């Protein structure tokens, strides 16, 4: 997980993180993106890890600051 930034993730992975952060079922996420996010430690079960939540938070703040 160390060294991963929002821009390192593809759009399906970004969308999956945003979807899960909103509390929407993982059934609406790309299955390959979910597997990748689980493999790199951003998802456990069907929930975001703290690292994933922080990654999303930083990405959102950067967009609003731009």
PDB file of N, CA and C in Angstrom:
ATOM      1  N   UNK A   1       0.824  -1.189   0.000  1.00  0.00           N
ATOM      2  CA  UNK A   1       0.000   0.000   0.000  1.00  0.00           C
ATOM      3  C   UNK A   1       0.864   1.247   0.000  1.00  0.00           C
ATOM      4  N   UNK A   2       2.056   1.171   0.555  1.00  0.00           N
ATOM      5  CA  UNK A   2       2.923   2.348   0.621  1.00  0.00           C
ATOM      6  C   UNK A   2       3.235   2.865  -0.762  1.00  0.00           C
ATOM      7  N   UNK A   3       3.123   4.177  -0.919  1.00  0.00           N
ATOM      8  CA  UNK A   3       3.497   4.795  -2.170  1.00  0.00           C
ATOM      9  C   UNK A   3       2.418   4.821  -3.235  1.00  0.00           C
ATOM     10  N   UNK A   4       1.228   4.354  -2.948  1.00  0.00           N
ATOM     11  CA  UNK A   4       0.148   4.370  -3.936  1.00  0.00           C
ATOM     12  C   UNK A   4      -0.580   5.705  -3.839  1.00  0.00           C
ATOM     13  N   UNK A   5      -0.767   6.334  -4.979  1.00  0.00           N
ATOM     14  CA  UNK A   5      -1.531   7.582  -5.009  1.00  0.00           C
ATOM     15  C   UNK A   5      -2.821   7.347  -5.798  1.00  0.00           C
ATOM     16  N   UNK A   6      -3.711   8.311  -5.710  1.00  0.00           N
ATOM     17  CA  UNK A   6      -4.995   8.224  -6.414  1.00  0.00           C
ATOM     18  C   UNK A   6      -4.780   8.060  -7.909  1.00  0.00           C
ATOM     19  N   UNK A   7      -3.791   8.755  -8.442  1.00  0.00           N
ATOM     20  CA  UNK A   7      -3.524   8.702  -9.881  1.00  0.00           C
ATOM     21  C   UNK A   7      -2.937   7.369 -10.331  1.00  0.00           C
ATOM     22  N   UNK A   8      -2.411   6.586  -9.395  1.00  0.00           N
ATOM     23  CA  UNK A   8      -1.909   5.252  -9.735  1.00  0.00           C
ATOM     24  C   UNK A   8      -3.048   4.275 -10.022  1.00  0.00           C
ATOM     25  N   UNK A   9      -4.236   4.588  -9.526  1.00  0.00           N
ATOM     26  CA  UNK A   9      -5.395   3.712  -9.703  1.00  0.00           C
ATOM     27  C   UNK A   9      -6.084   4.027 -11.023  1.00  0.00           C
ATOM     28  N   UNK A  10      -6.612   2.985 -11.675  1.00  0.00           N
ATOM     29  CA  UNK A  10      -7.362   3.253 -12.909  1.00  0.00           C
ATOM     30  C   UNK A  10      -8.770   3.741 -12.550  1.00  0.00           C
ATOM     31  N   UNK A  11      -9.512   4.157 -13.550  1.00  0.00           N
ATOM     32  CA  UNK A  11     -10.824   4.759 -13.284  1.00  0.00           C
ATOM     33  C   UNK A  11     -11.798   3.791 -12.624  1.00  0.00           C
ATOM     34  N   UNK A  12     -11.744   2.516 -12.977  1.00  0.00           N
ATOM     35  CA  UNK A  12     -12.640   1.543 -12.344  1.00  0.00           C
ATOM     36  C   UNK A  12     -12.299   1.361 -10.868  1.00  0.00           C
ATOM     37  N   UNK A  13     -11.021   1.384 -10.534  1.00  0.00           N
ATOM     38  CA  UNK A  13     -10.610   1.265  -9.133  1.00  0.00           C
ATOM     39  C   UNK A  13     -11.007   2.513  -8.351  1.00  0.00           C
ATOM     40  N   UNK A  14     -10.828   3.685  -8.956  1.00  0.00           N
ATOM     41  CA  UNK A  14     -11.251   4.927  -8.308  1.00  0.00           C
ATOM     42  C   UNK A  14     -12.760   4.933  -8.087  1.00  0.00           C
ATOM     43  N   UNK A  15     -13.492   4.502  -9.099  1.00  0.00           N
ATOM     44  CA  UNK A  15     -14.953   4.456  -9.003  1.00  0.00           C
ATOM     45  C   UNK A  15     -15.390   3.480  -7.910  1.00  0.00           C
ATOM     46  N   UNK A  16     -14.721   2.352  -7.795  1.00  0.00           N
ATOM     47  CA  UNK A  16     -15.067   1.365  -6.768  1.00  0.00           C
ATOM     48  C   UNK A  16     -14.849   1.941  -5.371  1.00  0.00           C
ATOM     49  N   UNK A  17     -13.745   2.635  -5.168  1.00  0.00           N
ATOM     50  CA  UNK A  17     -13.490   3.250  -3.862  1.00  0.00           C
ATOM     51  C   UNK A  17     -14.563   4.289  -3.553  1.00  0.00           C
ATOM     52  N   UNK A  18     -14.881   5.139  -4.509  1.00  0.00           N
ATOM     53  CA  UNK A  18     -15.904   6.164  -4.298  1.00  0.00           C
ATOM     54  C   UNK A  18     -17.268   5.535  -4.022  1.00  0.00           C
ATOM     55  N   UNK A  19     -17.595   4.479  -4.735  1.00  0.00           N
ATOM     56  CA  UNK A  19     -18.876   3.794  -4.557  1.00  0.00           C
ATOM     57  C   UNK A  19     -18.982   3.195  -3.162  1.00  0.00           C
ATOM     58  N   UNK A  20     -17.940   2.500  -2.738  1.00  0.00           N
ATOM     59  CA  UNK A  20     -17.955   1.887  -1.412  1.00  0.00           C
ATOM     60  C   UNK A  20     -17.954   2.943  -0.311  1.00  0.00           C
ATOM     61  N   UNK A  21     -17.295   4.064  -0.544  1.00  0.00           N
ATOM     62  CA  UNK A  21     -17.277   5.146   0.444  1.00  0.00           C
ATOM     63  C   UNK A  21     -18.672   5.719   0.660  1.00  0.00           C
ATOM     64  N   UNK A  22     -19.500   5.675  -0.372  1.00  0.00           N
ATOM     65  CA  UNK A  22     -20.876   6.162  -0.259  1.00  0.00           C
ATOM     66  C   UNK A  22     -21.811   5.134   0.367  1.00  0.00           C
ATOM     67  N   UNK A  23     -21.290   3.940   0.641  1.00  0.00           N
ATOM     68  CA  UNK A  23     -22.104   2.902   1.253  1.00  0.00           C
ATOM     69  C   UNK A  23     -22.904   2.080   0.264  1.00  0.00           C
ATOM     70  N   UNK A  24     -22.580   2.207  -1.013  1.00  0.00           N
ATOM     71  CA  UNK A  24     -23.273   1.453  -2.056  1.00  0.00           C
ATOM     72  C   UNK A  24     -22.667   0.057  -2.139  1.00  0.00           C
ATOM     73  N   UNK A  25     -23.471  -0.915  -2.451  1.00  0.00           N
ATOM     74  CA  UNK A  25     -23.039  -2.308  -2.510  1.00  0.00           C
ATOM     75  C   UNK A  25     -21.902  -2.516  -3.507  1.00  0.00           C
ATOM     76  N   UNK A  26     -21.015  -3.425  -3.165  1.00  0.00           N
ATOM     77  CA  UNK A  26     -19.913  -3.766  -4.069  1.00  0.00           C
ATOM     78  C   UNK A  26     -20.409  -4.488  -5.316  1.00  0.00           C
ATOM     79  N   UNK A  27     -21.676  -4.896  -5.332  1.00  0.00           N
ATOM     80  CA  UNK A  27     -22.254  -5.526  -6.523  1.00  0.00           C
ATOM     81  C   UNK A  27     -22.250  -4.578  -7.722  1.00  0.00           C
ATOM     82  N   UNK A  28     -22.188  -3.279  -7.458  1.00  0.00           N
ATOM     83  CA  UNK A  28     -22.199  -2.287  -8.527  1.00  0.00           C
ATOM     84  C   UNK A  28     -20.794  -1.890  -8.987  1.00  0.00           C
ATOM     85  N   UNK A  29     -19.783  -2.549  -8.430  1.00  0.00           N
ATOM     86  CA  UNK A  29     -18.391  -2.238  -8.768  1.00  0.00           C
ATOM     87  C   UNK A  29     -17.834  -3.269  -9.740  1.00  0.00           C
ATOM     88  N   UNK A  30     -16.839  -2.854 -10.493  1.00  0.00           N
ATOM     89  CA  UNK A  30     -16.141  -3.741 -11.411  1.00  0.00           C
ATOM     90  C   UNK A  30     -15.423  -4.826 -10.603  1.00  0.00           C
ATOM     91  N   UNK A  31     -15.685  -6.118 -10.891  1.00  0.00           N
ATOM     92  CA  UNK A  31     -15.086  -7.197 -10.104  1.00  0.00           C
ATOM     93  C   UNK A  31     -13.557  -7.232 -10.174  1.00  0.00           C
ATOM     94  N   UNK A  32     -12.991  -6.885 -11.312  1.00  0.00           N
ATOM     95  CA  UNK A  32     -11.527  -6.875 -11.435  1.00  0.00           C
ATOM     96  C   UNK A  32     -10.944  -5.756 -10.569  1.00  0.00           C
ATOM     97  N   UNK A  33     -11.604  -4.619 -10.554  1.00  0.00           N
ATOM     98  CA  UNK A  33     -11.149  -3.509  -9.714  1.00  0.00           C
ATOM     99  C   UNK A  33     -11.199  -3.901  -8.240  1.00  0.00           C
ATOM    100  N   UNK A  34     -12.256  -4.585  -7.832  1.00  0.00           N
ATOM    101  CA  UNK A  34     -12.363  -5.028  -6.442  1.00  0.00           C
ATOM    102  C   UNK A  34     -11.248  -6.002  -6.084  1.00  0.00           C
ATOM    103  N   UNK A  35     -10.956  -6.932  -6.978  1.00  0.00           N
ATOM    104  CA  UNK A  35      -9.864  -7.880  -6.724  1.00  0.00           C
ATOM    105  C   UNK A  35      -8.529  -7.160  -6.576  1.00  0.00           C
ATOM    106  N   UNK A  36      -8.289  -6.205  -7.447  1.00  0.00           N
ATOM    107  CA  UNK A  36      -7.039  -5.447  -7.386  1.00  0.00           C
ATOM    108  C   UNK A  36      -6.948  -4.663  -6.083  1.00  0.00           C
ATOM    109  N   UNK A  37      -8.026  -4.009  -5.708  1.00  0.00           N
ATOM    110  CA  UNK A  37      -8.027  -3.216  -4.479  1.00  0.00           C
ATOM    111  C   UNK A  37      -7.864  -4.095  -3.242  1.00  0.00           C
ATOM    112  N   UNK A  38      -8.428  -5.279  -3.265  1.00  0.00           N
ATOM    113  CA  UNK A  38      -8.215  -6.222  -2.157  1.00  0.00           C
ATOM    114  C   UNK A  38      -6.756  -6.665  -2.104  1.00  0.00           C
ATOM    115  N   UNK A  39      -6.193  -6.943  -3.272  1.00  0.00           N
ATOM    116  CA  UNK A  39      -4.812  -7.422  -3.342  1.00  0.00           C
ATOM    117  C   UNK A  39      -3.828  -6.386  -2.803  1.00  0.00           C
ATOM    118  N   UNK A  40      -4.076  -5.116  -3.086  1.00  0.00           N
ATOM    119  CA  UNK A  40      -3.153  -4.085  -2.612  1.00  0.00           C
ATOM    120  C   UNK A  40      -3.527  -3.545  -1.228  1.00  0.00           C
ATOM    121  N   UNK A  41      -4.575  -4.098  -0.628  1.00  0.00           N
ATOM    122  CA  UNK A  41      -4.904  -3.781   0.756  1.00  0.00           C
ATOM    123  C   UNK A  41      -5.782  -2.568   0.974  1.00  0.00           C
ATOM    124  N   UNK A  42      -6.525  -2.156  -0.032  1.00  0.00           N
ATOM    125  CA  UNK A  42      -7.416  -1.011   0.130  1.00  0.00           C
ATOM    126  C   UNK A  42      -8.843  -1.420   0.478  1.00  0.00           C
ATOM    127  N   UNK A  43      -9.146  -2.707   0.335  1.00  0.00           N
ATOM    128  CA  UNK A  43     -10.471  -3.229   0.679  1.00  0.00           C
ATOM    129  C   UNK A  43     -10.282  -4.519   1.471  1.00  0.00           C
ATOM    130  N   UNK A  44     -11.084  -4.654   2.523  1.00  0.00           N
ATOM    131  CA  UNK A  44     -11.172  -5.918   3.265  1.00  0.00           C
ATOM    132  C   UNK A  44     -12.634  -6.311   3.286  1.00  0.00           C
ATOM    133  N   UNK A  45     -12.916  -7.510   2.798  1.00  0.00           N
ATOM    134  CA  UNK A  45     -14.310  -7.920   2.657  1.00  0.00           C
ATOM    135  C   UNK A  45     -14.963  -7.045   1.610  1.00  0.00           C
ATOM    136  N   UNK A  46     -15.956  -6.290   2.018  1.00  0.00           N
ATOM    137  CA  UNK A  46     -16.580  -5.333   1.094  1.00  0.00           C
ATOM    138  C   UNK A  46     -16.502  -3.917   1.654  1.00  0.00           C
ATOM    139  N   UNK A  47     -15.518  -3.685   2.520  1.00  0.00           N
ATOM    140  CA  UNK A  47     -15.364  -2.373   3.154  1.00  0.00           C
ATOM    141  C   UNK A  47     -14.001  -1.783   2.850  1.00  0.00           C
ATOM    142  N   UNK A  48     -13.958  -0.466   2.826  1.00  0.00           N
ATOM    143  CA  UNK A  48     -12.698   0.229   2.611  1.00  0.00           C
ATOM    144  C   UNK A  48     -11.840   0.157   3.867  1.00  0.00           C
ATOM    145  N   UNK A  49     -10.545   0.062   3.669  1.00  0.00           N
ATOM    146  CA  UNK A  49      -9.622   0.162   4.793  1.00  0.00           C
ATOM    147  C   UNK A  49      -9.395   1.642   5.099  1.00  0.00           C
ATOM    148  N   UNK A  50      -8.771   1.909   6.219  1.00  0.00           N
ATOM    149  CA  UNK A  50      -8.453   3.281   6.585  1.00  0.00           C
ATOM    150  C   UNK A  50      -7.571   3.930   5.521  1.00  0.00           C
ATOM    151  N   UNK A  51      -6.646   3.164   4.966  1.00  0.00           N
ATOM    152  CA  UNK A  51      -5.755   3.690   3.930  1.00  0.00           C
ATOM    153  C   UNK A  51      -6.538   4.155   2.703  1.00  0.00           C
ATOM    154  N   UNK A  52      -7.551   3.382   2.316  1.00  0.00           N
ATOM    155  CA  UNK A  52      -8.372   3.754   1.158  1.00  0.00           C
ATOM    156  C   UNK A  52      -9.169   5.016   1.442  1.00  0.00           C
ATOM    157  N   UNK A  53      -9.702   5.128   2.647  1.00  0.00           N
ATOM    158  CA  UNK A  53     -10.457   6.327   3.008  1.00  0.00           C
ATOM    159  C   UNK A  53      -9.557   7.555   3.004  1.00  0.00           C
ATOM    160  N   UNK A  54      -8.332   7.398   3.485  1.00  0.00           N
ATOM    161  CA  UNK A  54      -7.387   8.513   3.478  1.00  0.00           C
ATOM    162  C   UNK A  54      -6.994   8.887   2.054  1.00  0.00           C
ATOM    163  N   UNK A  55      -6.792   7.885   1.215  1.00  0.00           N
ATOM    164  CA  UNK A  55      -6.441   8.125  -0.187  1.00  0.00           C
ATOM    165  C   UNK A  55      -7.541   8.923  -0.884  1.00  0.00           C
ATOM    166  N   UNK A  56      -8.788   8.540  -0.669  1.00  0.00           N
ATOM    167  CA  UNK A  56      -9.926   9.254  -1.250  1.00  0.00           C
ATOM    168  C   UNK A  56     -10.018  10.677  -0.704  1.00  0.00           C
ATOM    169  N   UNK A  57      -9.815  10.831   0.580  1.00  0.00           N
ATOM    170  CA  UNK A  57      -9.883  12.147   1.203  1.00  0.00           C
ATOM    171  C   UNK A  57      -8.843  13.102   0.623  1.00  0.00           C
ATOM    172  N   UNK A  58      -7.631  12.626   0.452  1.00  0.00           N
ATOM    173  CA  UNK A  58      -6.564  13.456  -0.123  1.00  0.00           C
ATOM    174  C   UNK A  58      -6.906  13.828  -1.564  1.00  0.00           C
ATOM    175  N   UNK A  59      -7.421  12.881  -2.326  1.00  0.00           N
ATOM    176  CA  UNK A  59      -7.769  13.145  -3.727  1.00  0.00           C
ATOM    177  C   UNK A  59      -8.863  14.202  -3.834  1.00  0.00           C
ATOM    178  N   UNK A  60      -9.859  14.121  -2.979  1.00  0.00           N
ATOM    179  CA  UNK A  60     -10.956  15.092  -3.008  1.00  0.00           C
ATOM    180  C   UNK A  60     -10.452  16.480  -2.619  1.00  0.00           C
ATOM    181  N   UNK A  61      -9.632  16.550  -1.579  1.00  0.00           N
ATOM    182  CA  UNK A  61      -9.087  17.853  -1.165  1.00  0.00           C
ATOM    183  C   UNK A  61      -8.246  18.483  -2.262  1.00  0.00           C
ATOM    184  N   UNK A  62      -7.452  17.683  -2.953  1.00  0.00           N
ATOM    185  CA  UNK A  62      -6.622  18.217  -4.040  1.00  0.00           C
ATOM    186  C   UNK A  62      -7.476  18.756  -5.186  1.00  0.00           C
ATOM    187  N   UNK A  63      -8.571  18.075  -5.489  1.00  0.00           N
ATOM    188  CA  UNK A  63      -9.457  18.544  -6.561  1.00  0.00           C
ATOM    189  C   UNK A  63     -10.104  19.875  -6.207  1.00  0.00           C
ATOM    190  N   UNK A  64     -10.512  20.029  -4.950  1.00  0.00           N
ATOM    191  CA  UNK A  64     -11.140  21.284  -4.548  1.00  0.00           C
ATOM    192  C   UNK A  64     -10.135  22.415  -4.440  1.00  0.00           C
ATOM    193  N   UNK A  65      -8.885  22.089  -4.162  1.00  0.00           N
ATOM    194  CA  UNK A  65      -7.841  23.110  -4.049  1.00  0.00           C
ATOM    195  C   UNK A  65      -7.368  23.593  -5.416  1.00  0.00           C
ATOM    196  N   UNK A  66      -7.585  22.775  -6.441  1.00  0.00           N
ATOM    197  CA  UNK A  66      -7.078  23.120  -7.781  1.00  0.00           C
ATOM    198  C   UNK A  66      -7.873  24.206  -8.448  1.00  0.00           C
TER     199      UNK A  66
END
